[in-house]
Amino acid sequence: ADIEGMQLYQAKGCTGCNEGYKGRVGIYQVMPMTEDIAKIILSGGNAIQIADQARSDGINDLRASALLKARNGVTSLAEINRVTKD
């Protein structure tokens, strides 16, 4: 997800503590089984090879999915960095 030039939001928090978020939002990755990914799995490929192929197939990883939530104003970059750091 390209974040250049997009309007980003900063969390305000609740009136009691001025931090945190109201409610919960799922950040998830859906990976369809493409023919190329199936070939990698059947040939004994590893997670890095699968992730590389998924990226080549245009499938968003967890962090890219989270960045889309930031672009839509659902969460902040600070929260994304907190929950998706490796």
PDB file of N, CA and C in Angstrom:
ATOM      1  N   ALA A   1       0.856  -1.186   0.000  1.00  0.00           N
ATOM      2  CA  ALA A   1       0.000   0.000   0.000  1.00  0.00           C
ATOM      3  C   ALA A   1       0.887   1.229   0.000  1.00  0.00           C
ATOM      4  N   ASP A   2       0.663   2.084  -0.954  1.00  0.00           N
ATOM      5  CA  ASP A   2       1.447   3.310  -1.071  1.00  0.00           C
ATOM      6  C   ASP A   2       0.799   4.385  -0.215  1.00  0.00           C
ATOM      7  N   ILE A   3       1.560   4.944   0.739  1.00  0.00           N
ATOM      8  CA  ILE A   3       0.986   5.948   1.640  1.00  0.00           C
ATOM      9  C   ILE A   3       1.400   7.362   1.269  1.00  0.00           C
ATOM     10  N   GLU A   4       2.212   7.502   0.234  1.00  0.00           N
ATOM     11  CA  GLU A   4       2.669   8.829  -0.163  1.00  0.00           C
ATOM     12  C   GLU A   4       1.493   9.688  -0.617  1.00  0.00           C
ATOM     13  N   GLY A   5       1.395  10.883  -0.057  1.00  0.00           N
ATOM     14  CA  GLY A   5       0.366  11.829  -0.437  1.00  0.00           C
ATOM     15  C   GLY A   5      -1.007  11.582   0.158  1.00  0.00           C
ATOM     16  N   MET A   6      -1.150  10.578   1.013  1.00  0.00           N
ATOM     17  CA  MET A   6      -2.471  10.323   1.578  1.00  0.00           C
ATOM     18  C   MET A   6      -2.666  11.053   2.903  1.00  0.00           C
ATOM     19  N   GLN A   7      -3.911  11.341   3.228  1.00  0.00           N
ATOM     20  CA  GLN A   7      -4.268  11.972   4.497  1.00  0.00           C
ATOM     21  C   GLN A   7      -4.201  10.910   5.589  1.00  0.00           C
ATOM     22  N   LEU A   8      -3.340  11.122   6.586  1.00  0.00           N
ATOM     23  CA  LEU A   8      -3.224  10.171   7.691  1.00  0.00           C
ATOM     24  C   LEU A   8      -3.819  10.785   8.945  1.00  0.00           C
ATOM     25  N   TYR A   9      -4.311   9.937   9.815  1.00  0.00           N
ATOM     26  CA  TYR A   9      -4.971  10.379  11.030  1.00  0.00           C
ATOM     27  C   TYR A   9      -4.158   9.955  12.238  1.00  0.00           C
ATOM     28  N   GLN A  10      -4.315  10.699  13.319  1.00  0.00           N
ATOM     29  CA  GLN A  10      -3.659  10.352  14.574  1.00  0.00           C
ATOM     30  C   GLN A  10      -4.752  10.080  15.593  1.00  0.00           C
ATOM     31  N   ALA A  11      -4.602   9.004  16.345  1.00  0.00           N
ATOM     32  CA  ALA A  11      -5.619   8.636  17.329  1.00  0.00           C
ATOM     33  C   ALA A  11      -5.711   9.692  18.421  1.00  0.00           C
ATOM     34  N   LYS A  12      -6.937  10.024  18.816  1.00  0.00           N
ATOM     35  CA  LYS A  12      -7.151  10.995  19.885  1.00  0.00           C
ATOM     36  C   LYS A  12      -7.297  10.313  21.234  1.00  0.00           C
ATOM     37  N   GLY A  13      -7.797   9.113  21.250  1.00  0.00           N
ATOM     38  CA  GLY A  13      -8.024   8.414  22.502  1.00  0.00           C
ATOM     39  C   GLY A  13      -9.338   8.815  23.139  1.00  0.00           C
ATOM     40  N   CYS A  14      -9.628   8.202  24.266  1.00  0.00           N
ATOM     41  CA  CYS A  14     -10.884   8.498  24.947  1.00  0.00           C
ATOM     42  C   CYS A  14     -10.730   9.731  25.833  1.00  0.00           C
ATOM     43  N   THR A  15     -11.853  10.260  26.295  1.00  0.00           N
ATOM     44  CA  THR A  15     -11.815  11.470  27.125  1.00  0.00           C
ATOM     45  C   THR A  15     -11.244  11.198  28.509  1.00  0.00           C
ATOM     46  N   GLY A  16     -11.249   9.956  28.947  1.00  0.00           N
ATOM     47  CA  GLY A  16     -10.725   9.623  30.273  1.00  0.00           C
ATOM     48  C   GLY A  16      -9.211   9.550  30.341  1.00  0.00           C
ATOM     49  N   CYS A  17      -8.589   8.981  29.319  1.00  0.00           N
ATOM     50  CA  CYS A  17      -7.139   8.764  29.393  1.00  0.00           C
ATOM     51  C   CYS A  17      -6.370   9.380  28.229  1.00  0.00           C
ATOM     52  N   ASN A  18      -7.060   9.860  27.213  1.00  0.00           N
ATOM     53  CA  ASN A  18      -6.437  10.436  26.021  1.00  0.00           C
ATOM     54  C   ASN A  18      -5.514   9.472  25.286  1.00  0.00           C
ATOM     55  N   GLU A  19      -5.762   8.199  25.392  1.00  0.00           N
ATOM     56  CA  GLU A  19      -5.012   7.214  24.617  1.00  0.00           C
ATOM     57  C   GLU A  19      -5.907   6.024  24.342  1.00  0.00           C
ATOM     58  N   GLY A  20      -5.460   5.159  23.494  1.00  0.00           N
ATOM     59  CA  GLY A  20      -6.240   3.972  23.183  1.00  0.00           C
ATOM     60  C   GLY A  20      -7.237   4.199  22.066  1.00  0.00           C
ATOM     61  N   TYR A  21      -8.029   3.179  21.817  1.00  0.00           N
ATOM     62  CA  TYR A  21      -8.981   3.177  20.717  1.00  0.00           C
ATOM     63  C   TYR A  21     -10.319   2.679  21.209  1.00  0.00           C
ATOM     64  N   LYS A  22     -11.365   3.123  20.554  1.00  0.00           N
ATOM     65  CA  LYS A  22     -12.698   2.648  20.868  1.00  0.00           C
ATOM     66  C   LYS A  22     -13.027   1.532  19.887  1.00  0.00           C
ATOM     67  N   GLY A  23     -13.383   0.386  20.405  1.00  0.00           N
ATOM     68  CA  GLY A  23     -13.722  -0.751  19.560  1.00  0.00           C
ATOM     69  C   GLY A  23     -12.491  -1.474  19.043  1.00  0.00           C
ATOM     70  N   ARG A  24     -12.741  -2.431  18.188  1.00  0.00           N
ATOM     71  CA  ARG A  24     -11.660  -3.229  17.611  1.00  0.00           C
ATOM     72  C   ARG A  24     -11.856  -3.336  16.108  1.00  0.00           C
ATOM     73  N   VAL A  25     -10.749  -3.403  15.425  1.00  0.00           N
ATOM     74  CA  VAL A  25     -10.767  -3.567  13.974  1.00  0.00           C
ATOM     75  C   VAL A  25      -9.798  -4.689  13.639  1.00  0.00           C
ATOM     76  N   GLY A  26     -10.248  -5.625  12.850  1.00  0.00           N
ATOM     77  CA  GLY A  26      -9.383  -6.727  12.457  1.00  0.00           C
ATOM     78  C   GLY A  26      -8.420  -6.318  11.353  1.00  0.00           C
ATOM     79  N   ILE A  27      -7.187  -6.741  11.498  1.00  0.00           N
ATOM     80  CA  ILE A  27      -6.196  -6.600  10.431  1.00  0.00           C
ATOM     81  C   ILE A  27      -5.821  -8.028  10.054  1.00  0.00           C
ATOM     82  N   TYR A  28      -6.069  -8.383   8.823  1.00  0.00           N
ATOM     83  CA  TYR A  28      -5.899  -9.772   8.437  1.00  0.00           C
ATOM     84  C   TYR A  28      -5.379  -9.868   7.011  1.00  0.00           C
ATOM     85  N   GLN A  29      -4.896 -11.049   6.702  1.00  0.00           N
ATOM     86  CA  GLN A  29      -4.399 -11.331   5.362  1.00  0.00           C
ATOM     87  C   GLN A  29      -5.169 -12.527   4.821  1.00  0.00           C
ATOM     88  N   VAL A  30      -5.712 -12.375   3.641  1.00  0.00           N
ATOM     89  CA  VAL A  30      -6.383 -13.480   2.968  1.00  0.00           C
ATOM     90  C   VAL A  30      -5.502 -13.875   1.792  1.00  0.00           C
ATOM     91  N   MET A  31      -5.111 -15.145   1.769  1.00  0.00           N
ATOM     92  CA  MET A  31      -4.230 -15.602   0.698  1.00  0.00           C
ATOM     93  C   MET A  31      -4.922 -16.708  -0.101  1.00  0.00           C
ATOM     94  N   PRO A  32      -5.444 -16.349  -1.261  1.00  0.00           N
ATOM     95  CA  PRO A  32      -6.049 -17.392  -2.097  1.00  0.00           C
ATOM     96  C   PRO A  32      -4.972 -18.349  -2.600  1.00  0.00           C
ATOM     97  N   MET A  33      -5.358 -19.582  -2.793  1.00  0.00           N
ATOM     98  CA  MET A  33      -4.421 -20.589  -3.273  1.00  0.00           C
ATOM     99  C   MET A  33      -4.327 -20.481  -4.789  1.00  0.00           C
ATOM    100  N   THR A  34      -3.326 -19.724  -5.246  1.00  0.00           N
ATOM    101  CA  THR A  34      -3.119 -19.612  -6.689  1.00  0.00           C
ATOM    102  C   THR A  34      -2.375 -20.848  -7.179  1.00  0.00           C
ATOM    103  N   GLU A  35      -2.365 -21.024  -8.458  1.00  0.00           N
ATOM    104  CA  GLU A  35      -1.661 -22.174  -9.030  1.00  0.00           C
ATOM    105  C   GLU A  35      -0.172 -22.120  -8.692  1.00  0.00           C
ATOM    106  N   ASP A  36       0.419 -20.932  -8.762  1.00  0.00           N
ATOM    107  CA  ASP A  36       1.852 -20.800  -8.466  1.00  0.00           C
ATOM    108  C   ASP A  36       2.156 -21.069  -6.991  1.00  0.00           C
ATOM    109  N   ILE A  37       1.297 -20.598  -6.097  1.00  0.00           N
ATOM    110  CA  ILE A  37       1.507 -20.859  -4.665  1.00  0.00           C
ATOM    111  C   ILE A  37       1.355 -22.352  -4.385  1.00  0.00           C
ATOM    112  N   ALA A  38       0.382 -22.991  -5.013  1.00  0.00           N
ATOM    113  CA  ALA A  38       0.195 -24.433  -4.838  1.00  0.00           C
ATOM    114  C   ALA A  38       1.435 -25.202  -5.290  1.00  0.00           C
ATOM    115  N   LYS A  39       2.028 -24.790  -6.402  1.00  0.00           N
ATOM    116  CA  LYS A  39       3.240 -25.461  -6.889  1.00  0.00           C
ATOM    117  C   LYS A  39       4.381 -25.335  -5.887  1.00  0.00           C
ATOM    118  N   ILE A  40       4.523 -24.154  -5.291  1.00  0.00           N
ATOM    119  CA  ILE A  40       5.584 -23.945  -4.296  1.00  0.00           C
ATOM    120  C   ILE A  40       5.362 -24.859  -3.099  1.00  0.00           C
ATOM    121  N   ILE A  41       4.128 -24.928  -2.619  1.00  0.00           N
ATOM    122  CA  ILE A  41       3.820 -25.767  -1.457  1.00  0.00           C
ATOM    123  C   ILE A  41       4.063 -27.235  -1.778  1.00  0.00           C
ATOM    124  N   LEU A  42       3.574 -27.695  -2.921  1.00  0.00           N
ATOM    125  CA  LEU A  42       3.717 -29.104  -3.292  1.00  0.00           C
ATOM    126  C   LEU A  42       5.166 -29.505  -3.537  1.00  0.00           C
ATOM    127  N   SER A  43       6.002 -28.537  -3.892  1.00  0.00           N
ATOM    128  CA  SER A  43       7.417 -28.853  -4.118  1.00  0.00           C
ATOM    129  C   SER A  43       8.248 -28.688  -2.850  1.00  0.00           C
ATOM    130  N   GLY A  44       7.582 -28.426  -1.711  1.00  0.00           N
ATOM    131  CA  GLY A  44       8.300 -28.313  -0.439  1.00  0.00           C
ATOM    132  C   GLY A  44       8.890 -26.942  -0.191  1.00  0.00           C
ATOM    133  N   GLY A  45       8.363 -25.929  -0.859  1.00  0.00           N
ATOM    134  CA  GLY A  45       8.868 -24.569  -0.690  1.00  0.00           C
ATOM    135  C   GLY A  45       8.665 -24.044   0.720  1.00  0.00           C
ATOM    136  N   ASN A  46       9.355 -22.965   1.035  1.00  0.00           N
ATOM    137  CA  ASN A  46       9.270 -22.395   2.383  1.00  0.00           C
ATOM    138  C   ASN A  46       8.376 -21.151   2.413  1.00  0.00           C
ATOM    139  N   ALA A  47       8.186 -20.614   3.611  1.00  0.00           N
ATOM    140  CA  ALA A  47       7.290 -19.474   3.812  1.00  0.00           C
ATOM    141  C   ALA A  47       7.758 -18.234   3.050  1.00  0.00           C
ATOM    142  N   ILE A  48       9.057 -18.048   2.934  1.00  0.00           N
ATOM    143  CA  ILE A  48       9.578 -16.884   2.212  1.00  0.00           C
ATOM    144  C   ILE A  48       9.220 -16.980   0.731  1.00  0.00           C
ATOM    145  N   GLN A  49       9.366 -18.165   0.165  1.00  0.00           N
ATOM    146  CA  GLN A  49       9.013 -18.357  -1.244  1.00  0.00           C
ATOM    147  C   GLN A  49       7.518 -18.128  -1.478  1.00  0.00           C
ATOM    148  N   ILE A  50       6.704 -18.611  -0.540  1.00  0.00           N
ATOM    149  CA  ILE A  50       5.254 -18.420  -0.656  1.00  0.00           C
ATOM    150  C   ILE A  50       4.913 -16.936  -0.563  1.00  0.00           C
ATOM    151  N   ALA A  51       5.507 -16.233   0.403  1.00  0.00           N
ATOM    152  CA  ALA A  51       5.245 -14.797   0.571  1.00  0.00           C
ATOM    153  C   ALA A  51       5.697 -14.009  -0.657  1.00  0.00           C
ATOM    154  N   ASP A  52       6.852 -14.363  -1.205  1.00  0.00           N
ATOM    155  CA  ASP A  52       7.342 -13.683  -2.410  1.00  0.00           C
ATOM    156  C   ASP A  52       6.383 -13.888  -3.583  1.00  0.00           C
ATOM    157  N   GLN A  53       5.897 -15.113  -3.730  1.00  0.00           N
ATOM    158  CA  GLN A  53       4.963 -15.392  -4.822  1.00  0.00           C
ATOM    159  C   GLN A  53       3.643 -14.656  -4.606  1.00  0.00           C
ATOM    160  N   ALA A  54       3.167 -14.629  -3.371  1.00  0.00           N
ATOM    161  CA  ALA A  54       1.921 -13.917  -3.065  1.00  0.00           C
ATOM    162  C   ALA A  54       2.057 -12.440  -3.428  1.00  0.00           C
ATOM    163  N   ARG A  55       3.192 -11.855  -3.081  1.00  0.00           N
ATOM    164  CA  ARG A  55       3.447 -10.450  -3.415  1.00  0.00           C
ATOM    165  C   ARG A  55       3.453 -10.267  -4.936  1.00  0.00           C
ATOM    166  N   SER A  56       4.083 -11.192  -5.645  1.00  0.00           N
ATOM    167  CA  SER A  56       4.102 -11.128  -7.115  1.00  0.00           C
ATOM    168  C   SER A  56       2.700 -11.243  -7.700  1.00  0.00           C
ATOM    169  N   ASP A  57       1.843 -11.996  -7.009  1.00  0.00           N
ATOM    170  CA  ASP A  57       0.459 -12.176  -7.459  1.00  0.00           C
ATOM    171  C   ASP A  57      -0.439 -11.012  -7.054  1.00  0.00           C
ATOM    172  N   GLY A  58       0.129 -10.012  -6.350  1.00  0.00           N
ATOM    173  CA  GLY A  58      -0.657  -8.847  -5.955  1.00  0.00           C
ATOM    174  C   GLY A  58      -1.475  -9.038  -4.692  1.00  0.00           C
ATOM    175  N   ILE A  59      -1.129 -10.046  -3.894  1.00  0.00           N
ATOM    176  CA  ILE A  59      -1.847 -10.314  -2.648  1.00  0.00           C
ATOM    177  C   ILE A  59      -1.222  -9.472  -1.543  1.00  0.00           C
ATOM    178  N   ASN A  60      -2.043  -8.682  -0.853  1.00  0.00           N
ATOM    179  CA  ASN A  60      -1.545  -7.834   0.236  1.00  0.00           C
ATOM    180  C   ASN A  60      -1.113  -8.672   1.424  1.00  0.00           C
ATOM    181  N   ASP A  61       0.050  -8.343   1.995  1.00  0.00           N
ATOM    182  CA  ASP A  61       0.447  -8.983   3.241  1.00  0.00           C
ATOM    183  C   ASP A  61      -0.229  -8.256   4.405  1.00  0.00           C
ATOM    184  N   LEU A  62       0.036  -8.708   5.619  1.00  0.00           N
ATOM    185  CA  LEU A  62      -0.625  -8.157   6.799  1.00  0.00           C
ATOM    186  C   LEU A  62      -0.366  -6.660   6.946  1.00  0.00           C
ATOM    187  N   ARG A  63       0.857  -6.247   6.749  1.00  0.00           N
ATOM    188  CA  ARG A  63       1.199  -4.831   6.911  1.00  0.00           C
ATOM    189  C   ARG A  63       0.520  -3.961   5.844  1.00  0.00           C
ATOM    190  N   ALA A  64       0.511  -4.423   4.606  1.00  0.00           N
ATOM    191  CA  ALA A  64      -0.155  -3.665   3.538  1.00  0.00           C
ATOM    192  C   ALA A  64      -1.650  -3.554   3.811  1.00  0.00           C
ATOM    193  N   SER A  65      -2.233  -4.624   4.325  1.00  0.00           N
ATOM    194  CA  SER A  65      -3.647  -4.592   4.686  1.00  0.00           C
ATOM    195  C   SER A  65      -3.897  -3.561   5.782  1.00  0.00           C
ATOM    196  N   ALA A  66      -2.991  -3.496   6.755  1.00  0.00           N
ATOM    197  CA  ALA A  66      -3.112  -2.513   7.836  1.00  0.00           C
ATOM    198  C   ALA A  66      -2.952  -1.091   7.306  1.00  0.00           C
ATOM    199  N   LEU A  67      -2.031  -0.887   6.373  1.00  0.00           N
ATOM    200  CA  LEU A  67      -1.832   0.446   5.806  1.00  0.00           C
ATOM    201  C   LEU A  67      -3.072   0.933   5.060  1.00  0.00           C
ATOM    202  N   LEU A  68      -3.804   0.019   4.470  1.00  0.00           N
ATOM    203  CA  LEU A  68      -5.066   0.401   3.829  1.00  0.00           C
ATOM    204  C   LEU A  68      -6.060   0.917   4.870  1.00  0.00           C
ATOM    205  N   LYS A  69      -6.047   0.320   6.066  1.00  0.00           N
ATOM    206  CA  LYS A  69      -6.918   0.798   7.153  1.00  0.00           C
ATOM    207  C   LYS A  69      -6.506   2.210   7.572  1.00  0.00           C
ATOM    208  N   ALA A  70      -5.213   2.492   7.589  1.00  0.00           N
ATOM    209  CA  ALA A  70      -4.743   3.839   7.936  1.00  0.00           C
ATOM    210  C   ALA A  70      -5.164   4.832   6.859  1.00  0.00           C
ATOM    211  N   ARG A  71      -5.054   4.442   5.612  1.00  0.00           N
ATOM    212  CA  ARG A  71      -5.445   5.320   4.515  1.00  0.00           C
ATOM    213  C   ARG A  71      -6.926   5.674   4.596  1.00  0.00           C
ATOM    214  N   ASN A  72      -7.729   4.741   5.091  1.00  0.00           N
ATOM    215  CA  ASN A  72      -9.167   4.969   5.216  1.00  0.00           C
ATOM    216  C   ASN A  72      -9.547   5.627   6.537  1.00  0.00           C
ATOM    217  N   GLY A  73      -8.552   5.975   7.372  1.00  0.00           N
ATOM    218  CA  GLY A  73      -8.819   6.665   8.624  1.00  0.00           C
ATOM    219  C   GLY A  73      -9.341   5.781   9.737  1.00  0.00           C
ATOM    220  N   VAL A  74      -9.193   4.468   9.595  1.00  0.00           N
ATOM    221  CA  VAL A  74      -9.704   3.528  10.589  1.00  0.00           C
ATOM    222  C   VAL A  74      -8.741   3.371  11.759  1.00  0.00           C
ATOM    223  N   THR A  75      -7.455   3.520  11.501  1.00  0.00           N
ATOM    224  CA  THR A  75      -6.437   3.390  12.544  1.00  0.00           C
ATOM    225  C   THR A  75      -5.267   4.306  12.204  1.00  0.00           C
ATOM    226  N   SER A  76      -4.290   4.350  13.076  1.00  0.00           N
ATOM    227  CA  SER A  76      -3.139   5.239  12.882  1.00  0.00           C
ATOM    228  C   SER A  76      -1.891   4.439  12.508  1.00  0.00           C
ATOM    229  N   LEU A  77      -0.907   5.138  11.974  1.00  0.00           N
ATOM    230  CA  LEU A  77       0.369   4.478  11.666  1.00  0.00           C
ATOM    231  C   LEU A  77       1.047   3.976  12.926  1.00  0.00           C
ATOM    232  N   ALA A  78       0.907   4.712  14.024  1.00  0.00           N
ATOM    233  CA  ALA A  78       1.512   4.275  15.287  1.00  0.00           C
ATOM    234  C   ALA A  78       0.954   2.918  15.704  1.00  0.00           C
ATOM    235  N   GLU A  79      -0.342   2.744  15.577  1.00  0.00           N
ATOM    236  CA  GLU A  79      -0.955   1.465  15.948  1.00  0.00           C
ATOM    237  C   GLU A  79      -0.545   0.361  14.987  1.00  0.00           C
ATOM    238  N   ILE A  80      -0.445   0.673  13.714  1.00  0.00           N
ATOM    239  CA  ILE A  80       0.008  -0.319  12.736  1.00  0.00           C
ATOM    240  C   ILE A  80       1.423  -0.777  13.061  1.00  0.00           C
ATOM    241  N   ASN A  81       2.296   0.173  13.360  1.00  0.00           N
ATOM    242  CA  ASN A  81       3.672  -0.188  13.709  1.00  0.00           C
ATOM    243  C   ASN A  81       3.719  -1.030  14.975  1.00  0.00           C
ATOM    244  N   ARG A  82       2.839  -0.746  15.910  1.00  0.00           N
ATOM    245  CA  ARG A  82       2.821  -1.499  17.165  1.00  0.00           C
ATOM    246  C   ARG A  82       2.409  -2.952  16.941  1.00  0.00           C
ATOM    247  N   VAL A  83       1.408  -3.176  16.101  1.00  0.00           N
ATOM    248  CA  VAL A  83       0.865  -4.531  15.976  1.00  0.00           C
ATOM    249  C   VAL A  83       1.448  -5.346  14.824  1.00  0.00           C
ATOM    250  N   THR A  84       2.176  -4.726  13.897  1.00  0.00           N
ATOM    251  CA  THR A  84       2.704  -5.496  12.764  1.00  0.00           C
ATOM    252  C   THR A  84       4.218  -5.542  12.711  1.00  0.00           C
ATOM    253  N   LYS A  85       4.886  -5.081  13.743  1.00  0.00           N
ATOM    254  CA  LYS A  85       6.352  -5.108  13.687  1.00  0.00           C
ATOM    255  C   LYS A  85       6.848  -6.545  13.740  1.00  0.00           C
ATOM    256  N   ASP A  86       7.919  -6.794  13.019  1.00  0.00           N
ATOM    257  CA  ASP A  86       8.492  -8.146  12.957  1.00  0.00           C
ATOM    258  C   ASP A  86       9.508  -8.340  14.039  1.00  0.00           C
TER     259      ASP A  86
END
